[in-house]
Amino acid sequence: MSLKDRVSDEIKAAMKAKDKIRLEPVRGIKKVILEKESDIRAQGREELTPEEELAILMQLAKQRRDSIEQYQKADRPELAEKEAQELAILEDYLPKQLSEEEVRAAVEAIIAEVGATSPKEMGKVMGPVMAPVFFPSRLEYRKLRMQLHENAGVTVVPAIADVNPPT
């Protein structure tokens, strides 16, 4: 079942249950899917690939995380809570994220395998870490960057670590 079909079924179920909290983010997902599908029709394709669907979900989840952070900085806990609820619903559609321990173990194993011993050699580590198994579907870039720098013995300025790679 495609994401679009799954979302359509979720919209129907939420409407029947009168679950407004679930309905809004699910409608948002469908809106973005429809927009992207209209964009790809110009390229002669009919449907989004699973990778494109995943990218949409990750983008929406990242927007929610950023909004939560901004609302917390602005002392607006009620809006942060609403975004957190929507994020939880979006995460139902995403693959399970790796825990910090799993990230740490994977990064340490790759560093040992590659033989990187200094921060200058982190480029050697990035290739295997950025492999599709880990990134982007199961791992946030922010967690990855912090873990790499922690293992390399480098302190990362949080503002720099929060920058996502260009897509």
Foldseek 3Di string as FASTA:
>chain_A
DDPLVVLVVQLVVCVVVVPPLLNVLSVVLNVVLVVVQVVCVVVVDRHDDVVVSLVSLVVLLVVLVVVLVVCVVVVNVVVNVSSVSSSVSSVVVAPAADDLVRLLVVLVVLCVVQVDAAPVCVVSSVVVCCPPVHPDRRYPQLSNVCSSCVVRVHDDDSVVSPDDDDD
